[in-house]
Amino acid sequence: MKIKCTIILLFISIQILSSQISAVKDQVEESYEYYEDAIQDEFEKYWQQEKILALAKLCEEEGLDKKQFNALLESYIYSGQEPIRNEVFKCLDNRPSILKAREIGERIISKMKEFVQVFVEGMTG
């Protein structure tokens, strides 16, 4: 009789635990969905801030007008067409000498492409 009672109690306990596990599982799934959205939102805010900081750093390093360069960058992102060096030179605070123009223009265009790869294509790819 004692063994029979123990077995019945064991089965009842298993049923109770099973229903509790199901409830906990549902709660975890609901929480995950909520936190997944919150984490995604926070990451997007963080990434946007990093993008702004990287653009500011690039403009400072190269002596670019931030507003003009951002417009050129947006045009490049939208059209996919690489800007010509003269468009880049219009963004510079000081136009480079003829001897340095090619080197500086190519360097800035290269940095522009890298920026787009990291902050635009890297987020959608």
Protein backbone atom coordinates (compact mmCIF):
# COMPACT_ATOMS: atom_id res chain seq x y z
CA MET A 1 0.00 0.00 0.00
CA LYS A 2 2.83 2.38 0.89
CA ILE A 3 4.54 1.77 -2.47
CA LYS A 4 1.26 2.33 -4.32
CA CYS A 5 0.75 5.68 -2.53
CA THR A 6 4.34 6.69 -3.29
CA ILE A 7 3.88 5.90 -6.99
CA ILE A 8 0.58 7.82 -7.14
CA LEU A 9 2.20 10.83 -5.41
CA LEU A 10 5.11 10.61 -7.84
CA PHE A 11 2.77 10.70 -10.86
CA ILE A 12 0.82 13.63 -9.36
CA SER A 13 4.10 15.48 -8.75
CA ILE A 14 5.20 14.83 -12.32
CA GLN A 15 1.90 16.23 -13.66
CA ILE A 16 2.20 19.32 -11.47
CA LEU A 17 5.81 19.87 -12.51
CA SER A 18 4.89 19.33 -16.14
CA SER A 19 2.22 22.04 -16.02
CA GLN A 20 4.62 24.38 -14.17
CA ILE A 21 7.33 23.75 -16.74
CA SER A 22 4.89 24.60 -19.51
CA ALA A 23 3.91 27.84 -17.75
CA VAL A 24 7.55 28.78 -17.19
CA LYS A 25 8.35 27.98 -20.82
CA ASP A 26 5.51 30.26 -22.00
CA GLN A 27 6.74 33.04 -19.70
CA VAL A 28 10.30 32.70 -20.98
CA GLU A 29 9.13 32.87 -24.61
CA GLU A 30 7.04 35.99 -23.94
CA SER A 31 9.92 37.64 -22.09
CA TYR A 32 12.34 36.73 -24.86
CA GLU A 33 10.14 38.38 -27.50
CA TYR A 34 9.88 41.54 -25.37
CA TYR A 35 13.58 41.71 -24.61
CA GLU A 36 14.57 40.80 -28.16
CA ASP A 37 12.76 43.91 -29.43
CA ALA A 38 14.25 46.04 -26.67
CA ILE A 39 17.77 44.76 -27.38
CA GLN A 40 17.32 45.37 -31.10
CA ASP A 41 16.14 48.94 -30.43
CA GLU A 42 19.06 49.64 -28.11
CA PHE A 43 21.57 48.21 -30.58
CA GLU A 44 20.15 50.37 -33.39
CA LYS A 45 20.50 53.47 -31.17
CA TYR A 46 24.05 52.47 -30.30
CA TRP A 47 24.95 51.80 -33.96
CA GLN A 48 23.48 55.14 -35.06
CA GLN A 49 25.58 56.90 -32.41
CA GLU A 50 28.71 55.04 -33.56
CA LYS A 51 27.93 56.06 -37.15
CA ILE A 52 27.68 59.73 -36.12
CA LEU A 53 30.96 59.52 -34.18
CA ALA A 54 32.75 57.79 -37.06
CA LEU A 55 31.53 60.41 -39.54
CA ALA A 56 32.66 63.23 -37.25
CA LYS A 57 36.08 61.59 -36.84
CA LEU A 58 36.48 61.10 -40.60
CA CYS A 59 35.54 64.72 -41.28
CA GLU A 60 37.90 65.99 -38.61
CA GLU A 61 40.83 63.83 -39.80
CA GLU A 62 40.41 64.87 -43.43
CA GLY A 63 39.35 68.49 -42.91
CA LEU A 64 35.90 67.97 -44.45
CA ASP A 65 32.82 70.10 -43.98
CA LYS A 66 30.56 67.67 -42.13
CA LYS A 67 27.29 68.86 -43.66
CA GLN A 68 28.59 68.82 -47.25
CA PHE A 69 30.36 65.50 -46.84
CA ASN A 70 27.28 63.91 -45.25
CA ALA A 71 25.22 65.05 -48.26
CA LEU A 72 27.81 63.55 -50.61
CA LEU A 73 27.83 60.35 -48.58
CA GLU A 74 24.01 60.09 -48.67
CA SER A 75 24.09 60.62 -52.43
CA TYR A 76 26.64 57.82 -52.77
CA ILE A 77 24.53 55.50 -50.59
CA TYR A 78 21.37 56.29 -52.55
CA SER A 79 22.83 56.10 -56.06
CA GLY A 80 25.61 53.59 -55.49
CA GLN A 81 27.73 55.73 -57.81
CA GLU A 82 31.17 56.65 -56.55
CA PRO A 83 31.69 60.42 -56.34
CA ILE A 84 34.32 62.09 -58.49
CA ARG A 85 37.26 63.74 -56.76
CA ASN A 86 36.02 67.26 -57.54
CA GLU A 87 32.85 66.54 -55.55
CA VAL A 88 35.03 65.45 -52.64
CA PHE A 89 37.23 68.55 -52.97
CA LYS A 90 34.14 70.77 -52.58
CA CYS A 91 33.72 69.28 -49.10
CA LEU A 92 37.27 70.10 -48.04
CA ASP A 93 37.97 73.14 -45.90
CA ASN A 94 41.13 73.75 -47.97
CA ARG A 95 41.52 72.55 -51.54
CA PRO A 96 44.70 70.46 -51.89
CA SER A 97 47.56 71.32 -54.20
CA ILE A 98 47.60 69.72 -57.62
CA LEU A 99 50.43 67.43 -56.50
CA LYS A 100 48.45 66.08 -53.54
CA ALA A 101 44.92 66.23 -54.98
CA ARG A 102 44.82 62.74 -56.48
CA GLU A 103 46.21 61.08 -53.36
CA ILE A 104 43.88 62.95 -51.01
CA GLY A 105 40.83 62.43 -53.20
CA GLU A 106 41.42 58.69 -53.49
CA ARG A 107 42.09 58.36 -49.77
CA ILE A 108 38.84 60.15 -48.87
CA ILE A 109 36.82 58.12 -51.39
CA SER A 110 38.36 54.95 -49.98
CA LYS A 111 37.39 55.98 -46.45
CA MET A 112 33.90 56.81 -47.71
CA LYS A 113 33.53 53.32 -49.18
CA GLU A 114 34.78 51.76 -45.95
CA PHE A 115 32.30 53.85 -43.95
CA VAL A 116 29.42 52.65 -46.15
CA GLN A 117 30.59 49.03 -45.90
CA VAL A 118 30.67 49.14 -42.12
CA PHE A 119 27.71 51.34 -41.23
CA VAL A 120 25.27 50.77 -44.09
CA GLU A 121 25.96 47.48 -45.84
CA GLY A 122 27.16 45.85 -42.62
CA MET A 123 23.76 46.42 -41.01
CA THR A 124 21.73 45.10 -43.93
CA GLY A 125 24.00 42.33 -45.15
